[in-house]
Amino acid sequence: MGTLRDLQYALQEKIEELRQRDALIDELELELDQKDELIQKLQTELDKYRSVIRPATQQVHKQKSVLQEQQRTKRQAISAEPTAFDIQDLNHVTLPFYPKSPQSKELIKEAILDNDFMKNLELSQIQEIVDCMYPVEYDKESCIIKEGDVGSLVYVMEDGKVEVTKEGMKLCTMGPGKVFGELAILYNCTRTATVQTLTNVKLWAIDRQCFQTIMMRTGLIKHAEYMEFLKRWAGYIITDNSLSFAVCVVNLPGDGFCL
């Protein structure tokens, strides 16, 4: 009888061990599902940043091809100006910085966050854009943007008032705290409307190259972080006389109007 009790006790211990292992397997499977979901989310973010980088790099290759063609045609050496879109040197690019009052910084930030095309930028990107914007002033009845022109600047209005027209028809007037001209740097298109001053105006501006450098550098940093994350795989092995299985565990990082 004593031997039977011992066997029953040992069996109960084994059953309890198996129950605990089943619970652990369920927990690990749930964790893996969460990791898979995070990886998919990271991949989506990576694709988004690649979509920003690819048009810019294509533009650089196009510019280089044009320069090479000119070099062959003219039979003379052409020294191309260094471009901020050289991905290998991107991390070494020094962006311009223009001092601003706290009020101006806040006005630019709020204007970007209020813009339908720019409000989804990361705060770090917005901060760099704020730092890189430089002051521009126009007198009354000056033309800032002309419909059909090729544009390379985006503006934030700090003081004054402007009128927006398209094909001679008035669309609206804009005052301080508004962004305009953003389509030129976001989509490399011609100006879709004309903007003329109604008063003396003070603006802040940033050019396409500086803007795209900020976007590309952020994308490259994110890409490097994601690649490092995906490399952090550790083997987690649980073995027993009657049970053996392996589970991969991932180390998680700390989880209007437009022209």
C-alpha atoms as a PDB file:
ATOM      1  CA  MET A   1       0.000   0.000   0.000  1.00  0.00           C
ATOM      2  CA  GLY A   2       2.860   2.333   0.811  1.00  0.00           C
ATOM      3  CA  THR A   3       4.280   1.821  -2.663  1.00  0.00           C
ATOM      4  CA  LEU A   4       0.945   2.600  -4.278  1.00  0.00           C
ATOM      5  CA  ARG A   5       0.653   5.841  -2.327  1.00  0.00           C
ATOM      6  CA  ASP A   6       4.144   6.802  -3.438  1.00  0.00           C
ATOM      7  CA  LEU A   7       3.247   6.135  -7.058  1.00  0.00           C
ATOM      8  CA  GLN A   8       0.031   8.142  -6.729  1.00  0.00           C
ATOM      9  CA  TYR A   9       1.924  11.037  -5.165  1.00  0.00           C
ATOM     10  CA  ALA A  10       4.591  10.923  -7.884  1.00  0.00           C
ATOM     11  CA  LEU A  11       1.879  10.831 -10.544  1.00  0.00           C
ATOM     12  CA  GLN A  12       0.187  13.870  -9.024  1.00  0.00           C
ATOM     13  CA  GLU A  13       3.523  15.715  -9.014  1.00  0.00           C
ATOM     14  CA  LYS A  14       4.050  14.871 -12.682  1.00  0.00           C
ATOM     15  CA  ILE A  15       0.512  16.001 -13.516  1.00  0.00           C
ATOM     16  CA  GLU A  16       1.134  19.290 -11.676  1.00  0.00           C
ATOM     17  CA  GLU A  17       4.436  19.782 -13.536  1.00  0.00           C
ATOM     18  CA  LEU A  18       2.716  19.183 -16.854  1.00  0.00           C
ATOM     19  CA  ARG A  19      -0.059  21.603 -15.905  1.00  0.00           C
ATOM     20  CA  GLN A  20       2.512  24.276 -15.075  1.00  0.00           C
ATOM     21  CA  ARG A  21       4.316  23.639 -18.356  1.00  0.00           C
ATOM     22  CA  ASP A  22       1.048  23.868 -20.284  1.00  0.00           C
ATOM     23  CA  ALA A  23       0.382  27.196 -18.570  1.00  0.00           C
ATOM     24  CA  LEU A  24       3.901  28.364 -19.466  1.00  0.00           C
ATOM     25  CA  ILE A  25       3.433  27.278 -23.087  1.00  0.00           C
ATOM     26  CA  ASP A  26       0.163  29.215 -23.273  1.00  0.00           C
ATOM     27  CA  GLU A  27       1.865  32.274 -21.789  1.00  0.00           C
ATOM     28  CA  LEU A  28       4.789  32.055 -24.231  1.00  0.00           C
ATOM     29  CA  GLU A  29       2.468  31.560 -27.202  1.00  0.00           C
ATOM     30  CA  LEU A  30       0.525  34.652 -26.160  1.00  0.00           C
ATOM     31  CA  GLU A  31       3.784  36.597 -25.853  1.00  0.00           C
ATOM     32  CA  LEU A  32       4.876  35.424 -29.303  1.00  0.00           C
ATOM     33  CA  ASP A  33       1.563  36.567 -30.774  1.00  0.00           C
ATOM     34  CA  GLN A  34       2.175  39.992 -29.233  1.00  0.00           C
ATOM     35  CA  LYS A  35       5.713  40.048 -30.686  1.00  0.00           C
ATOM     36  CA  ASP A  36       4.373  39.103 -34.127  1.00  0.00           C
ATOM     37  CA  GLU A  37       1.855  41.928 -33.912  1.00  0.00           C
ATOM     38  CA  LEU A  38       4.597  44.382 -32.921  1.00  0.00           C
ATOM     39  CA  ILE A  39       6.852  43.221 -35.758  1.00  0.00           C
ATOM     40  CA  GLN A  40       4.014  43.808 -38.232  1.00  0.00           C
ATOM     41  CA  LYS A  41       3.499  47.277 -36.790  1.00  0.00           C
ATOM     42  CA  LEU A  42       7.207  48.040 -37.051  1.00  0.00           C
ATOM     43  CA  GLN A  43       7.275  46.774 -40.631  1.00  0.00           C
ATOM     44  CA  THR A  44       4.410  49.126 -41.474  1.00  0.00           C
ATOM     45  CA  GLU A  45       6.345  52.032 -39.966  1.00  0.00           C
ATOM     46  CA  LEU A  46       9.450  50.978 -41.872  1.00  0.00           C
ATOM     47  CA  ASP A  47       7.507  50.912 -45.143  1.00  0.00           C
ATOM     48  CA  LYS A  48       6.225  54.410 -44.385  1.00  0.00           C
ATOM     49  CA  TYR A  49       9.731  55.789 -43.912  1.00  0.00           C
ATOM     50  CA  ARG A  50      10.971  53.983 -46.998  1.00  0.00           C
ATOM     51  CA  SER A  51       8.234  55.747 -48.967  1.00  0.00           C
ATOM     52  CA  VAL A  52       9.755  59.056 -47.836  1.00  0.00           C
ATOM     53  CA  ILE A  53      13.339  58.041 -48.567  1.00  0.00           C
ATOM     54  CA  ARG A  54      12.748  56.465 -51.995  1.00  0.00           C
ATOM     55  CA  PRO A  55      11.407  59.581 -53.835  1.00  0.00           C
ATOM     56  CA  ALA A  56      14.243  61.684 -52.465  1.00  0.00           C
ATOM     57  CA  THR A  57      16.949  59.215 -53.456  1.00  0.00           C
ATOM     58  CA  GLN A  58      15.368  58.852 -56.895  1.00  0.00           C
ATOM     59  CA  GLN A  59      15.549  62.619 -57.262  1.00  0.00           C
ATOM     60  CA  VAL A  60      19.251  62.537 -56.388  1.00  0.00           C
ATOM     61  CA  HIS A  61      19.951  59.815 -58.970  1.00  0.00           C
ATOM     62  CA  LYS A  62      18.020  61.834 -61.551  1.00  0.00           C
ATOM     63  CA  GLN A  63      20.031  64.941 -60.740  1.00  0.00           C
ATOM     64  CA  LYS A  64      23.275  62.990 -61.016  1.00  0.00           C
ATOM     65  CA  SER A  65      22.208  61.561 -64.381  1.00  0.00           C
ATOM     66  CA  VAL A  66      21.445  65.046 -65.688  1.00  0.00           C
ATOM     67  CA  LEU A  67      24.809  66.304 -64.526  1.00  0.00           C
ATOM     68  CA  GLN A  68      26.588  63.367 -66.154  1.00  0.00           C
ATOM     69  CA  GLU A  69      24.732  64.004 -69.420  1.00  0.00           C
ATOM     70  CA  GLN A  70      25.695  67.662 -69.325  1.00  0.00           C
ATOM     71  CA  GLN A  71      29.266  66.633 -68.669  1.00  0.00           C
ATOM     72  CA  ARG A  72      29.336  64.426 -71.760  1.00  0.00           C
ATOM     73  CA  THR A  73      27.607  67.043 -73.925  1.00  0.00           C
ATOM     74  CA  LYS A  74      29.747  69.994 -72.942  1.00  0.00           C
ATOM     75  CA  ARG A  75      32.986  67.980 -72.826  1.00  0.00           C
ATOM     76  CA  GLN A  76      33.998  69.710 -69.631  1.00  0.00           C
ATOM     77  CA  ALA A  77      34.199  68.816 -65.965  1.00  0.00           C
ATOM     78  CA  ILE A  78      31.230  69.699 -63.810  1.00  0.00           C
ATOM     79  CA  SER A  79      31.604  69.667 -60.049  1.00  0.00           C
ATOM     80  CA  ALA A  80      28.212  68.971 -58.528  1.00  0.00           C
ATOM     81  CA  GLU A  81      27.286  70.784 -55.351  1.00  0.00           C
ATOM     82  CA  PRO A  82      27.187  68.408 -52.338  1.00  0.00           C
ATOM     83  CA  THR A  83      23.668  67.250 -51.672  1.00  0.00           C
ATOM     84  CA  ALA A  84      22.016  66.474 -48.352  1.00  0.00           C
ATOM     85  CA  PHE A  85      20.373  63.465 -49.967  1.00  0.00           C
ATOM     86  CA  ASP A  86      23.606  61.432 -49.979  1.00  0.00           C
ATOM     87  CA  ILE A  87      22.436  58.695 -47.626  1.00  0.00           C
ATOM     88  CA  GLN A  88      25.939  57.627 -46.594  1.00  0.00           C
ATOM     89  CA  ASP A  89      26.743  61.136 -45.381  1.00  0.00           C
ATOM     90  CA  LEU A  90      23.277  61.994 -44.133  1.00  0.00           C
ATOM     91  CA  ASN A  91      24.088  61.531 -40.464  1.00  0.00           C
ATOM     92  CA  HIS A  92      26.954  64.022 -40.822  1.00  0.00           C
ATOM     93  CA  VAL A  93      24.836  66.758 -42.388  1.00  0.00           C
ATOM     94  CA  THR A  94      24.607  69.838 -40.175  1.00  0.00           C
ATOM     95  CA  LEU A  95      21.201  71.434 -40.454  1.00  0.00           C
ATOM     96  CA  PRO A  96      20.933  75.229 -40.231  1.00  0.00           C
ATOM     97  CA  PHE A  97      19.678  76.751 -37.005  1.00  0.00           C
ATOM     98  CA  TYR A  98      17.936  80.098 -36.704  1.00  0.00           C
ATOM     99  CA  PRO A  99      17.249  81.494 -33.217  1.00  0.00           C
ATOM    100  CA  LYS A 100      13.656  82.308 -32.390  1.00  0.00           C
ATOM    101  CA  SER A 101      11.690  83.567 -29.438  1.00  0.00           C
ATOM    102  CA  PRO A 102       9.684  80.985 -27.449  1.00  0.00           C
ATOM    103  CA  GLN A 103       6.521  82.584 -28.844  1.00  0.00           C
ATOM    104  CA  SER A 104       7.686  82.123 -32.455  1.00  0.00           C
ATOM    105  CA  LYS A 105       8.684  78.504 -31.812  1.00  0.00           C
ATOM    106  CA  GLU A 106       5.298  77.744 -30.322  1.00  0.00           C
ATOM    107  CA  LEU A 107       3.483  79.499 -33.186  1.00  0.00           C
ATOM    108  CA  ILE A 108       5.350  77.452 -35.809  1.00  0.00           C
ATOM    109  CA  LYS A 109       4.783  74.196 -33.916  1.00  0.00           C
ATOM    110  CA  GLU A 110       1.051  74.849 -33.497  1.00  0.00           C
ATOM    111  CA  ALA A 111       0.740  75.847 -37.171  1.00  0.00           C
ATOM    112  CA  ILE A 112       2.305  72.539 -38.255  1.00  0.00           C
ATOM    113  CA  LEU A 113       0.099  70.530 -35.896  1.00  0.00           C
ATOM    114  CA  ASP A 114      -2.937  72.360 -37.306  1.00  0.00           C
ATOM    115  CA  ASN A 115      -2.005  71.489 -40.914  1.00  0.00           C
ATOM    116  CA  ASP A 116      -3.710  68.421 -42.389  1.00  0.00           C
ATOM    117  CA  PHE A 117      -0.632  67.378 -44.378  1.00  0.00           C
ATOM    118  CA  MET A 118       1.980  67.874 -41.647  1.00  0.00           C
ATOM    119  CA  LYS A 119       0.225  67.215 -38.348  1.00  0.00           C
ATOM    120  CA  ASN A 120       1.207  63.529 -38.312  1.00  0.00           C
ATOM    121  CA  LEU A 121       4.940  64.220 -38.291  1.00  0.00           C
ATOM    122  CA  GLU A 122       6.836  63.071 -35.230  1.00  0.00           C
ATOM    123  CA  LEU A 123       7.518  65.681 -32.573  1.00  0.00           C
ATOM    124  CA  SER A 124      11.273  65.320 -33.112  1.00  0.00           C
ATOM    125  CA  GLN A 125      10.786  66.101 -36.807  1.00  0.00           C
ATOM    126  CA  ILE A 126       8.599  69.106 -36.006  1.00  0.00           C
ATOM    127  CA  GLN A 127      11.232  70.393 -33.605  1.00  0.00           C
ATOM    128  CA  GLU A 128      13.940  70.158 -36.267  1.00  0.00           C
ATOM    129  CA  ILE A 129      11.694  71.935 -38.780  1.00  0.00           C
ATOM    130  CA  VAL A 130      11.078  74.700 -36.234  1.00  0.00           C
ATOM    131  CA  ASP A 131      14.829  75.102 -35.671  1.00  0.00           C
ATOM    132  CA  CYS A 132      15.617  75.166 -39.407  1.00  0.00           C
ATOM    133  CA  MET A 133      13.014  77.750 -40.422  1.00  0.00           C
ATOM    134  CA  TYR A 134      14.446  81.175 -41.282  1.00  0.00           C
ATOM    135  CA  PRO A 135      12.724  84.608 -41.232  1.00  0.00           C
ATOM    136  CA  VAL A 136      11.292  86.166 -44.407  1.00  0.00           C
ATOM    137  CA  GLU A 137       9.491  89.507 -44.790  1.00  0.00           C
ATOM    138  CA  TYR A 138       7.309  90.867 -47.617  1.00  0.00           C
ATOM    139  CA  ASP A 139       5.831  94.320 -48.147  1.00  0.00           C
ATOM    140  CA  LYS A 140       2.169  94.967 -48.820  1.00  0.00           C
ATOM    141  CA  GLU A 141       0.893  93.859 -52.273  1.00  0.00           C
ATOM    142  CA  SER A 142       3.838  91.511 -52.822  1.00  0.00           C
ATOM    143  CA  CYS A 143       3.474  88.131 -54.511  1.00  0.00           C
ATOM    144  CA  ILE A 144       4.830  85.337 -52.307  1.00  0.00           C
ATOM    145  CA  ILE A 145       3.633  82.394 -54.389  1.00  0.00           C
ATOM    146  CA  LYS A 146       2.500  82.414 -58.023  1.00  0.00           C
ATOM    147  CA  GLU A 147       0.195  79.735 -59.384  1.00  0.00           C
ATOM    148  CA  GLY A 148       1.990  77.385 -61.781  1.00  0.00           C
ATOM    149  CA  ASP A 149       5.496  78.217 -60.583  1.00  0.00           C
ATOM    150  CA  VAL A 150       7.846  75.514 -59.345  1.00  0.00           C
ATOM    151  CA  GLY A 151       8.015  75.861 -55.592  1.00  0.00           C
ATOM    152  CA  SER A 152      10.653  74.804 -53.110  1.00  0.00           C
ATOM    153  CA  LEU A 153       9.633  76.613 -49.925  1.00  0.00           C
ATOM    154  CA  VAL A 154       6.946  76.167 -47.306  1.00  0.00           C
ATOM    155  CA  TYR A 155       5.930  79.071 -45.089  1.00  0.00           C
ATOM    156  CA  VAL A 156       4.446  79.709 -41.678  1.00  0.00           C
ATOM    157  CA  MET A 157       2.818  83.108 -41.175  1.00  0.00           C
ATOM    158  CA  GLU A 158       3.815  84.944 -38.004  1.00  0.00           C
ATOM    159  CA  ASP A 159       2.391  88.394 -38.667  1.00  0.00           C
ATOM    160  CA  GLY A 160       0.214  90.024 -41.322  1.00  0.00           C
ATOM    161  CA  LYS A 161      -2.454  88.864 -43.759  1.00  0.00           C
ATOM    162  CA  VAL A 162      -2.412  87.323 -47.246  1.00  0.00           C
ATOM    163  CA  GLU A 163      -5.003  86.559 -49.937  1.00  0.00           C
ATOM    164  CA  VAL A 164      -5.146  83.221 -51.745  1.00  0.00           C
ATOM    165  CA  THR A 165      -6.465  83.115 -55.323  1.00  0.00           C
ATOM    166  CA  LYS A 166      -6.759  80.433 -57.990  1.00  0.00           C
ATOM    167  CA  GLU A 167      -7.300  81.284 -61.679  1.00  0.00           C
ATOM    168  CA  GLY A 168      -8.117  84.854 -60.579  1.00  0.00           C
ATOM    169  CA  MET A 169     -10.810  83.747 -58.116  1.00  0.00           C
ATOM    170  CA  LYS A 170     -10.402  84.539 -54.422  1.00  0.00           C
ATOM    171  CA  LEU A 171     -10.305  81.423 -52.268  1.00  0.00           C
ATOM    172  CA  CYS A 172      -9.606  82.795 -48.800  1.00  0.00           C
ATOM    173  CA  THR A 173      -7.481  85.062 -46.650  1.00  0.00           C
ATOM    174  CA  MET A 174      -4.970  83.786 -44.097  1.00  0.00           C
ATOM    175  CA  GLY A 175      -3.431  85.304 -41.000  1.00  0.00           C
ATOM    176  CA  PRO A 176      -0.832  84.358 -38.378  1.00  0.00           C
ATOM    177  CA  GLY A 177      -0.388  80.721 -37.408  1.00  0.00           C
ATOM    178  CA  LYS A 178      -1.079  79.246 -40.853  1.00  0.00           C
ATOM    179  CA  VAL A 179       1.087  77.000 -43.041  1.00  0.00           C
ATOM    180  CA  PHE A 180       1.057  77.440 -46.825  1.00  0.00           C
ATOM    181  CA  GLY A 181       3.120  76.139 -49.716  1.00  0.00           C
ATOM    182  CA  GLU A 182       3.496  72.671 -48.184  1.00  0.00           C
ATOM    183  CA  LEU A 183       2.578  70.712 -51.315  1.00  0.00           C
ATOM    184  CA  ALA A 184       5.713  71.955 -53.056  1.00  0.00           C
ATOM    185  CA  ILE A 185       8.000  70.138 -50.617  1.00  0.00           C
ATOM    186  CA  LEU A 186       5.737  67.207 -49.861  1.00  0.00           C
ATOM    187  CA  TYR A 187       4.869  66.220 -53.440  1.00  0.00           C
ATOM    188  CA  ASN A 188       7.326  68.165 -55.611  1.00  0.00           C
ATOM    189  CA  CYS A 189       4.509  69.787 -57.589  1.00  0.00           C
ATOM    190  CA  THR A 190       3.957  73.258 -59.036  1.00  0.00           C
ATOM    191  CA  ARG A 191       2.119  75.889 -57.040  1.00  0.00           C
ATOM    192  CA  THR A 192      -1.619  75.317 -57.121  1.00  0.00           C
ATOM    193  CA  ALA A 193      -2.641  78.873 -56.174  1.00  0.00           C
ATOM    194  CA  THR A 194      -1.323  82.419 -55.855  1.00  0.00           C
ATOM    195  CA  VAL A 195      -0.610  84.033 -52.488  1.00  0.00           C
ATOM    196  CA  GLN A 196      -0.349  87.831 -52.333  1.00  0.00           C
ATOM    197  CA  THR A 197       0.143  90.035 -49.284  1.00  0.00           C
ATOM    198  CA  LEU A 198      -2.623  92.350 -48.079  1.00  0.00           C
ATOM    199  CA  THR A 199      -0.340  93.893 -45.444  1.00  0.00           C
ATOM    200  CA  ASN A 200       3.332  93.782 -44.556  1.00  0.00           C
ATOM    201  CA  VAL A 201       3.975  90.193 -43.468  1.00  0.00           C
ATOM    202  CA  LYS A 202       6.538  88.293 -41.440  1.00  0.00           C
ATOM    203  CA  LEU A 203       7.027  84.639 -42.326  1.00  0.00           C
ATOM    204  CA  TRP A 204       9.165  81.655 -41.414  1.00  0.00           C
ATOM    205  CA  ALA A 205      10.347  79.443 -44.284  1.00  0.00           C
ATOM    206  CA  ILE A 206      12.092  76.111 -44.888  1.00  0.00           C
ATOM    207  CA  ASP A 207      13.274  74.736 -48.238  1.00  0.00           C
ATOM    208  CA  ARG A 208      12.560  71.311 -49.720  1.00  0.00           C
ATOM    209  CA  GLN A 209      16.092  69.975 -49.360  1.00  0.00           C
ATOM    210  CA  CYS A 210      16.300  70.801 -45.670  1.00  0.00           C
ATOM    211  CA  PHE A 211      12.831  69.374 -45.066  1.00  0.00           C
ATOM    212  CA  GLN A 212      13.576  66.138 -46.904  1.00  0.00           C
ATOM    213  CA  THR A 213      16.892  65.779 -45.096  1.00  0.00           C
ATOM    214  CA  ILE A 214      15.005  65.818 -41.801  1.00  0.00           C
ATOM    215  CA  MET A 215      12.513  63.250 -43.092  1.00  0.00           C
ATOM    216  CA  MET A 216      15.194  60.964 -44.523  1.00  0.00           C
ATOM    217  CA  ARG A 217      17.451  61.114 -41.489  1.00  0.00           C
ATOM    218  CA  THR A 218      14.571  60.184 -39.210  1.00  0.00           C
ATOM    219  CA  GLY A 219      13.697  57.338 -41.566  1.00  0.00           C
ATOM    220  CA  LEU A 220      17.253  56.002 -41.554  1.00  0.00           C
ATOM    221  CA  ILE A 221      17.453  56.160 -37.766  1.00  0.00           C
ATOM    222  CA  LYS A 222      14.161  54.279 -37.483  1.00  0.00           C
ATOM    223  CA  HIS A 223      15.338  51.742 -40.046  1.00  0.00           C
ATOM    224  CA  ALA A 224      18.522  51.108 -38.048  1.00  0.00           C
ATOM    225  CA  GLU A 225      16.535  50.759 -34.829  1.00  0.00           C
ATOM    226  CA  TYR A 226      14.148  48.266 -36.404  1.00  0.00           C
ATOM    227  CA  MET A 227      16.972  46.220 -37.880  1.00  0.00           C
ATOM    228  CA  GLU A 228      18.707  46.124 -34.502  1.00  0.00           C
ATOM    229  CA  PHE A 229      15.438  45.110 -32.881  1.00  0.00           C
ATOM    230  CA  LEU A 230      14.891  42.242 -35.308  1.00  0.00           C
ATOM    231  CA  LYS A 231      18.404  40.969 -34.597  1.00  0.00           C
ATOM    232  CA  ARG A 232      17.719  40.650 -30.881  1.00  0.00           C
ATOM    233  CA  TRP A 233      16.555  37.092 -30.899  1.00  0.00           C
ATOM    234  CA  ALA A 234      17.476  34.812 -28.037  1.00  0.00           C
ATOM    235  CA  GLY A 235      16.975  31.064 -27.862  1.00  0.00           C
ATOM    236  CA  TYR A 236      14.827  29.919 -24.989  1.00  0.00           C
ATOM    237  CA  ILE A 237      14.984  26.175 -24.430  1.00  0.00           C
ATOM    238  CA  ILE A 238      12.981  24.111 -21.958  1.00  0.00           C
ATOM    239  CA  THR A 239      13.836  20.453 -21.703  1.00  0.00           C
ATOM    240  CA  ASP A 240      12.654  17.511 -19.605  1.00  0.00           C
ATOM    241  CA  ASN A 241      12.860  13.719 -19.702  1.00  0.00           C
ATOM    242  CA  SER A 242       9.426  13.493 -21.261  1.00  0.00           C
ATOM    243  CA  LEU A 243       9.018  16.979 -22.775  1.00  0.00           C
ATOM    244  CA  SER A 244      11.252  19.116 -24.964  1.00  0.00           C
ATOM    245  CA  PHE A 245      10.414  22.240 -26.909  1.00  0.00           C
ATOM    246  CA  ALA A 246      12.061  25.483 -28.025  1.00  0.00           C
ATOM    247  CA  VAL A 247      10.567  28.953 -28.081  1.00  0.00           C
ATOM    248  CA  CYS A 248      12.025  32.087 -29.651  1.00  0.00           C
ATOM    249  CA  VAL A 249      11.788  35.141 -27.400  1.00  0.00           C
ATOM    250  CA  VAL A 250      12.253  38.693 -28.649  1.00  0.00           C
ATOM    251  CA  ASN A 251      13.842  41.440 -26.569  1.00  0.00           C
ATOM    252  CA  LEU A 252      11.423  44.376 -26.945  1.00  0.00           C
ATOM    253  CA  PRO A 253      12.698  47.932 -27.072  1.00  0.00           C
ATOM    254  CA  GLY A 254      10.960  50.422 -24.750  1.00  0.00           C
ATOM    255  CA  ASP A 255       7.604  49.896 -25.896  1.00  0.00           C
ATOM    256  CA  GLY A 256      -7.080  73.594 -44.019  1.00  0.00           C
ATOM    257  CA  PHE A 257      -5.848  74.808 -46.823  1.00  0.00           C
ATOM    258  CA  CYS A 258      -2.876  73.633 -48.805  1.00  0.00           C
ATOM    259  CA  LEU A 259      -0.832  74.912 -51.719  1.00  0.00           C
END
